């Protein structure tokens, strides 16, 4: 499997709507397409229009599987980009408690 970045711009009105979409994404990925796709992590974006978007990291058999997963889960997939390499400078920050 290759690693992909998926840009989902202004896909949701708020975090509650995003949570529902995340549940659908996990159900489709784990239940229907587990041989072709794995959700690794997502970063939630504060969009200029006040909506919520995401940058998602997935592993998938090919970019078509990423697009099919998005379609089945009812998610936007504005851009699907294959990751060529990883440069790890420091771990993701942990939110303060």
N, C-alpha and C. Protein backbone atom coordinates (compact mmCIF):
# COMPACT_ATOMS: atom_id res chain seq x y z
N UNK A 1 0.84 -1.18 0.00
CA UNK A 1 0.00 0.00 0.00
C UNK A 1 0.88 1.24 0.00
N UNK A 2 0.42 2.26 -0.69
CA UNK A 2 1.08 3.55 -0.71
C UNK A 2 0.37 4.49 0.27
N UNK A 3 1.04 5.57 0.64
CA UNK A 3 0.46 6.58 1.51
C UNK A 3 -0.04 7.74 0.66
N UNK A 4 -1.23 8.25 1.01
CA UNK A 4 -1.85 9.35 0.28
C UNK A 4 -2.28 10.45 1.24
N UNK A 5 -2.23 11.68 0.75
CA UNK A 5 -2.80 12.83 1.44
C UNK A 5 -4.09 13.19 0.69
N UNK A 6 -5.18 13.35 1.44
CA UNK A 6 -6.45 13.72 0.83
C UNK A 6 -6.86 15.06 1.41
N UNK A 7 -7.07 16.02 0.53
CA UNK A 7 -7.51 17.35 0.94
C UNK A 7 -9.02 17.41 0.76
N UNK A 8 -9.71 17.72 1.86
CA UNK A 8 -11.18 17.82 1.86
C UNK A 8 -11.53 19.23 2.32
N UNK A 9 -11.76 20.14 1.39
CA UNK A 9 -11.97 21.55 1.70
C UNK A 9 -13.43 21.85 2.02
N UNK A 10 -13.65 22.54 3.14
CA UNK A 10 -14.98 23.05 3.53
C UNK A 10 -16.08 22.00 3.41
N UNK A 11 -15.79 20.78 3.84
CA UNK A 11 -16.74 19.69 3.68
C UNK A 11 -17.88 19.65 4.69
N UNK A 12 -17.71 20.36 5.83
CA UNK A 12 -18.68 20.24 6.91
C UNK A 12 -18.94 21.60 7.55
N UNK A 13 -20.13 21.75 8.10
CA UNK A 13 -20.48 23.02 8.73
C UNK A 13 -19.82 23.19 10.09
N UNK A 14 -19.60 22.07 10.81
CA UNK A 14 -19.02 22.16 12.15
C UNK A 14 -18.43 20.82 12.56
N UNK A 15 -17.86 20.79 13.76
CA UNK A 15 -17.23 19.57 14.26
C UNK A 15 -18.19 18.42 14.47
N UNK A 16 -19.44 18.71 14.85
CA UNK A 16 -20.43 17.64 15.04
C UNK A 16 -20.71 16.93 13.72
N UNK A 17 -20.87 17.70 12.66
CA UNK A 17 -21.10 17.12 11.34
C UNK A 17 -19.88 16.31 10.89
N UNK A 18 -18.69 16.81 11.19
CA UNK A 18 -17.46 16.09 10.87
C UNK A 18 -17.37 14.77 11.63
N UNK A 19 -17.77 14.77 12.90
CA UNK A 19 -17.75 13.53 13.69
C UNK A 19 -18.62 12.44 13.06
N UNK A 20 -19.78 12.83 12.56
CA UNK A 20 -20.68 11.88 11.90
C UNK A 20 -20.02 11.32 10.65
N UNK A 21 -19.41 12.22 9.87
CA UNK A 21 -18.73 11.80 8.64
C UNK A 21 -17.55 10.88 8.96
N UNK A 22 -16.84 11.17 10.04
CA UNK A 22 -15.70 10.32 10.44
C UNK A 22 -16.17 8.90 10.78
N UNK A 23 -17.32 8.79 11.41
CA UNK A 23 -17.88 7.47 11.71
C UNK A 23 -18.19 6.69 10.44
N UNK A 24 -18.79 7.38 9.45
CA UNK A 24 -19.08 6.72 8.17
C UNK A 24 -17.77 6.29 7.50
N UNK A 25 -16.77 7.16 7.54
CA UNK A 25 -15.48 6.86 6.92
C UNK A 25 -14.86 5.60 7.53
N UNK A 26 -14.88 5.54 8.86
CA UNK A 26 -14.30 4.38 9.54
C UNK A 26 -15.08 3.11 9.22
N UNK A 27 -16.40 3.20 9.21
CA UNK A 27 -17.23 2.03 8.90
C UNK A 27 -16.95 1.50 7.50
N UNK A 28 -16.88 2.40 6.52
CA UNK A 28 -16.62 1.98 5.14
C UNK A 28 -15.21 1.42 5.02
N UNK A 29 -14.23 2.12 5.59
CA UNK A 29 -12.85 1.67 5.48
C UNK A 29 -12.60 0.34 6.17
N UNK A 30 -13.09 0.20 7.39
CA UNK A 30 -12.84 -1.02 8.16
C UNK A 30 -13.76 -2.16 7.76
N UNK A 31 -14.99 -1.84 7.35
CA UNK A 31 -15.96 -2.88 7.07
C UNK A 31 -16.08 -3.30 5.63
N UNK A 32 -16.03 -2.34 4.72
CA UNK A 32 -16.27 -2.65 3.30
C UNK A 32 -15.00 -2.71 2.46
N UNK A 33 -13.96 -2.00 2.88
CA UNK A 33 -12.78 -1.85 2.01
C UNK A 33 -11.47 -2.13 2.75
N UNK A 34 -11.51 -2.98 3.77
CA UNK A 34 -10.33 -3.17 4.62
C UNK A 34 -9.11 -3.71 3.89
N UNK A 35 -9.29 -4.36 2.75
CA UNK A 35 -8.15 -4.85 1.97
C UNK A 35 -7.50 -3.76 1.13
N UNK A 36 -8.22 -2.63 0.94
CA UNK A 36 -7.74 -1.59 0.02
C UNK A 36 -7.39 -0.27 0.67
N UNK A 37 -7.82 -0.02 1.90
CA UNK A 37 -7.62 1.31 2.47
C UNK A 37 -7.52 1.27 3.99
N UNK A 38 -6.67 2.16 4.53
CA UNK A 38 -6.51 2.31 5.98
C UNK A 38 -6.40 3.79 6.32
N UNK A 39 -7.25 4.28 7.20
CA UNK A 39 -7.21 5.66 7.66
C UNK A 39 -6.14 5.75 8.74
N UNK A 40 -5.17 6.65 8.57
CA UNK A 40 -4.09 6.80 9.53
C UNK A 40 -4.37 7.94 10.50
N UNK A 41 -4.60 9.15 9.96
CA UNK A 41 -4.91 10.32 10.81
C UNK A 41 -5.47 11.43 9.95
N UNK A 42 -6.07 12.41 10.62
CA UNK A 42 -6.59 13.59 9.94
C UNK A 42 -6.28 14.83 10.77
N UNK A 43 -6.10 15.92 10.07
CA UNK A 43 -5.94 17.23 10.69
C UNK A 43 -7.14 18.06 10.27
N UNK A 44 -7.83 18.65 11.25
CA UNK A 44 -9.03 19.44 10.98
C UNK A 44 -8.60 20.87 10.66
N UNK A 45 -9.18 21.41 9.58
CA UNK A 45 -8.85 22.75 9.12
C UNK A 45 -9.96 23.74 9.43
N UNK A 46 -9.58 24.91 9.88
CA UNK A 46 -10.49 26.02 10.06
C UNK A 46 -10.51 26.77 8.73
N UNK A 47 -11.58 26.62 7.96
CA UNK A 47 -11.64 27.19 6.62
C UNK A 47 -12.04 28.67 6.66
N UNK A 48 -11.59 29.46 5.66
CA UNK A 48 -11.92 30.89 5.63
C UNK A 48 -13.43 31.17 5.59
N UNK A 49 -14.22 30.23 5.05
CA UNK A 49 -15.67 30.44 4.96
C UNK A 49 -16.41 30.05 6.24
N UNK A 50 -15.65 29.68 7.30
CA UNK A 50 -16.26 29.31 8.57
C UNK A 50 -16.62 27.84 8.68
N UNK A 51 -16.44 27.10 7.60
CA UNK A 51 -16.73 25.67 7.61
C UNK A 51 -15.49 24.91 8.09
N UNK A 52 -15.58 23.60 8.11
CA UNK A 52 -14.49 22.74 8.56
C UNK A 52 -14.04 21.87 7.39
N UNK A 53 -12.75 21.77 7.22
CA UNK A 53 -12.17 20.87 6.23
C UNK A 53 -11.17 19.95 6.91
N UNK A 54 -10.56 19.06 6.13
CA UNK A 54 -9.54 18.18 6.70
C UNK A 54 -8.42 17.93 5.70
N UNK A 55 -7.28 17.59 6.25
CA UNK A 55 -6.19 16.98 5.51
C UNK A 55 -6.05 15.59 6.12
N UNK A 56 -6.26 14.56 5.32
CA UNK A 56 -6.28 13.19 5.83
C UNK A 56 -5.10 12.40 5.28
N UNK A 57 -4.57 11.53 6.10
CA UNK A 57 -3.49 10.63 5.71
C UNK A 57 -4.07 9.22 5.68
N UNK A 58 -3.96 8.58 4.53
CA UNK A 58 -4.47 7.22 4.34
C UNK A 58 -3.38 6.36 3.70
N UNK A 59 -3.48 5.08 3.91
CA UNK A 59 -2.74 4.10 3.11
C UNK A 59 -3.78 3.42 2.24
N UNK A 60 -3.44 3.24 0.97
CA UNK A 60 -4.40 2.62 0.05
C UNK A 60 -3.67 1.88 -1.05
N UNK A 61 -4.40 0.96 -1.66
CA UNK A 61 -3.83 0.16 -2.75
C UNK A 61 -3.59 1.01 -3.99
N UNK A 62 -4.38 2.08 -4.17
CA UNK A 62 -4.22 2.98 -5.31
C UNK A 62 -5.11 4.20 -5.10
N UNK A 63 -4.92 5.28 -5.88
CA UNK A 63 -5.73 6.48 -5.69
C UNK A 63 -7.21 6.26 -5.99
N UNK A 64 -7.53 5.32 -6.86
CA UNK A 64 -8.93 5.03 -7.15
C UNK A 64 -9.64 4.48 -5.92
N UNK A 65 -8.94 3.70 -5.10
CA UNK A 65 -9.53 3.18 -3.86
C UNK A 65 -9.84 4.32 -2.90
N UNK A 66 -8.97 5.33 -2.86
CA UNK A 66 -9.22 6.50 -2.02
C UNK A 66 -10.48 7.21 -2.47
N UNK A 67 -10.61 7.41 -3.77
CA UNK A 67 -11.80 8.09 -4.31
C UNK A 67 -13.07 7.26 -4.11
N UNK A 68 -12.96 5.95 -4.27
CA UNK A 68 -14.12 5.08 -4.05
C UNK A 68 -14.55 5.12 -2.59
N UNK A 69 -13.59 5.08 -1.69
CA UNK A 69 -13.90 5.16 -0.26
C UNK A 69 -14.63 6.47 0.04
N UNK A 70 -14.14 7.58 -0.50
CA UNK A 70 -14.78 8.88 -0.28
C UNK A 70 -16.21 8.88 -0.81
N UNK A 71 -16.39 8.31 -1.97
CA UNK A 71 -17.73 8.27 -2.58
C UNK A 71 -18.67 7.43 -1.73
N UNK A 72 -18.24 6.25 -1.31
CA UNK A 72 -19.09 5.38 -0.49
C UNK A 72 -19.45 6.02 0.84
N UNK A 73 -18.48 6.75 1.44
CA UNK A 73 -18.70 7.36 2.75
C UNK A 73 -19.36 8.74 2.66
N UNK A 74 -19.55 9.25 1.45
CA UNK A 74 -20.16 10.56 1.28
C UNK A 74 -19.24 11.69 1.69
N UNK A 75 -17.95 11.55 1.40
CA UNK A 75 -16.94 12.55 1.78
C UNK A 75 -16.41 13.26 0.54
N UNK A 76 -16.03 14.53 0.67
CA UNK A 76 -15.33 15.17 -0.43
C UNK A 76 -13.91 14.61 -0.55
N UNK A 77 -13.36 14.67 -1.72
CA UNK A 77 -11.95 14.30 -1.94
C UNK A 77 -11.44 15.24 -3.03
N UNK A 78 -11.20 16.49 -2.63
CA UNK A 78 -10.82 17.53 -3.59
C UNK A 78 -9.49 17.23 -4.27
N UNK A 79 -8.54 16.74 -3.50
CA UNK A 79 -7.24 16.35 -4.07
C UNK A 79 -6.78 15.06 -3.40
N UNK A 80 -6.23 14.16 -4.19
CA UNK A 80 -5.64 12.91 -3.70
C UNK A 80 -4.21 12.90 -4.21
N UNK A 81 -3.25 12.93 -3.28
CA UNK A 81 -1.84 13.07 -3.65
C UNK A 81 -1.04 11.93 -3.03
N UNK A 82 -0.30 11.20 -3.85
CA UNK A 82 0.57 10.13 -3.34
C UNK A 82 1.77 10.74 -2.64
N UNK A 83 2.10 10.22 -1.47
CA UNK A 83 3.26 10.68 -0.70
C UNK A 83 4.50 9.99 -1.24
N UNK A 84 5.50 10.78 -1.61
CA UNK A 84 6.74 10.24 -2.16
C UNK A 84 7.71 9.79 -1.07
N UNK A 85 7.72 10.50 0.06
CA UNK A 85 8.66 10.20 1.12
C UNK A 85 8.20 10.93 2.38
N UNK A 86 8.81 10.62 3.51
CA UNK A 86 8.48 11.26 4.77
C UNK A 86 9.74 11.87 5.37
N UNK A 87 9.64 13.11 5.81
CA UNK A 87 10.69 13.78 6.56
C UNK A 87 10.11 14.01 7.95
N UNK A 88 10.65 13.32 8.93
CA UNK A 88 10.12 13.39 10.28
C UNK A 88 11.06 14.25 11.13
N UNK A 89 10.62 15.45 11.47
CA UNK A 89 11.43 16.36 12.26
C UNK A 89 11.14 16.20 13.74
N UNK A 90 9.87 16.16 14.09
CA UNK A 90 9.45 15.93 15.48
C UNK A 90 8.03 15.37 15.46
N UNK A 91 7.61 14.74 16.54
CA UNK A 91 6.26 14.14 16.57
C UNK A 91 5.18 15.22 16.53
N UNK A 92 3.97 14.80 16.16
CA UNK A 92 2.83 15.71 16.18
C UNK A 92 2.69 16.25 17.61
N UNK A 93 2.35 17.53 17.74
CA UNK A 93 2.16 18.08 19.09
C UNK A 93 0.96 17.45 19.76
N UNK A 94 1.04 17.36 21.08
CA UNK A 94 -0.06 16.84 21.88
C UNK A 94 -0.78 18.01 22.51
N UNK A 95 -2.10 18.01 22.42
CA UNK A 95 -2.89 19.10 22.99
C UNK A 95 -2.71 19.14 24.50
N UNK A 96 -2.62 20.33 25.06
CA UNK A 96 -2.48 20.50 26.51
C UNK A 96 -3.76 20.05 27.19
N UNK A 97 -3.60 19.42 28.34
CA UNK A 97 -4.77 18.92 29.09
C UNK A 97 -5.48 20.02 29.82
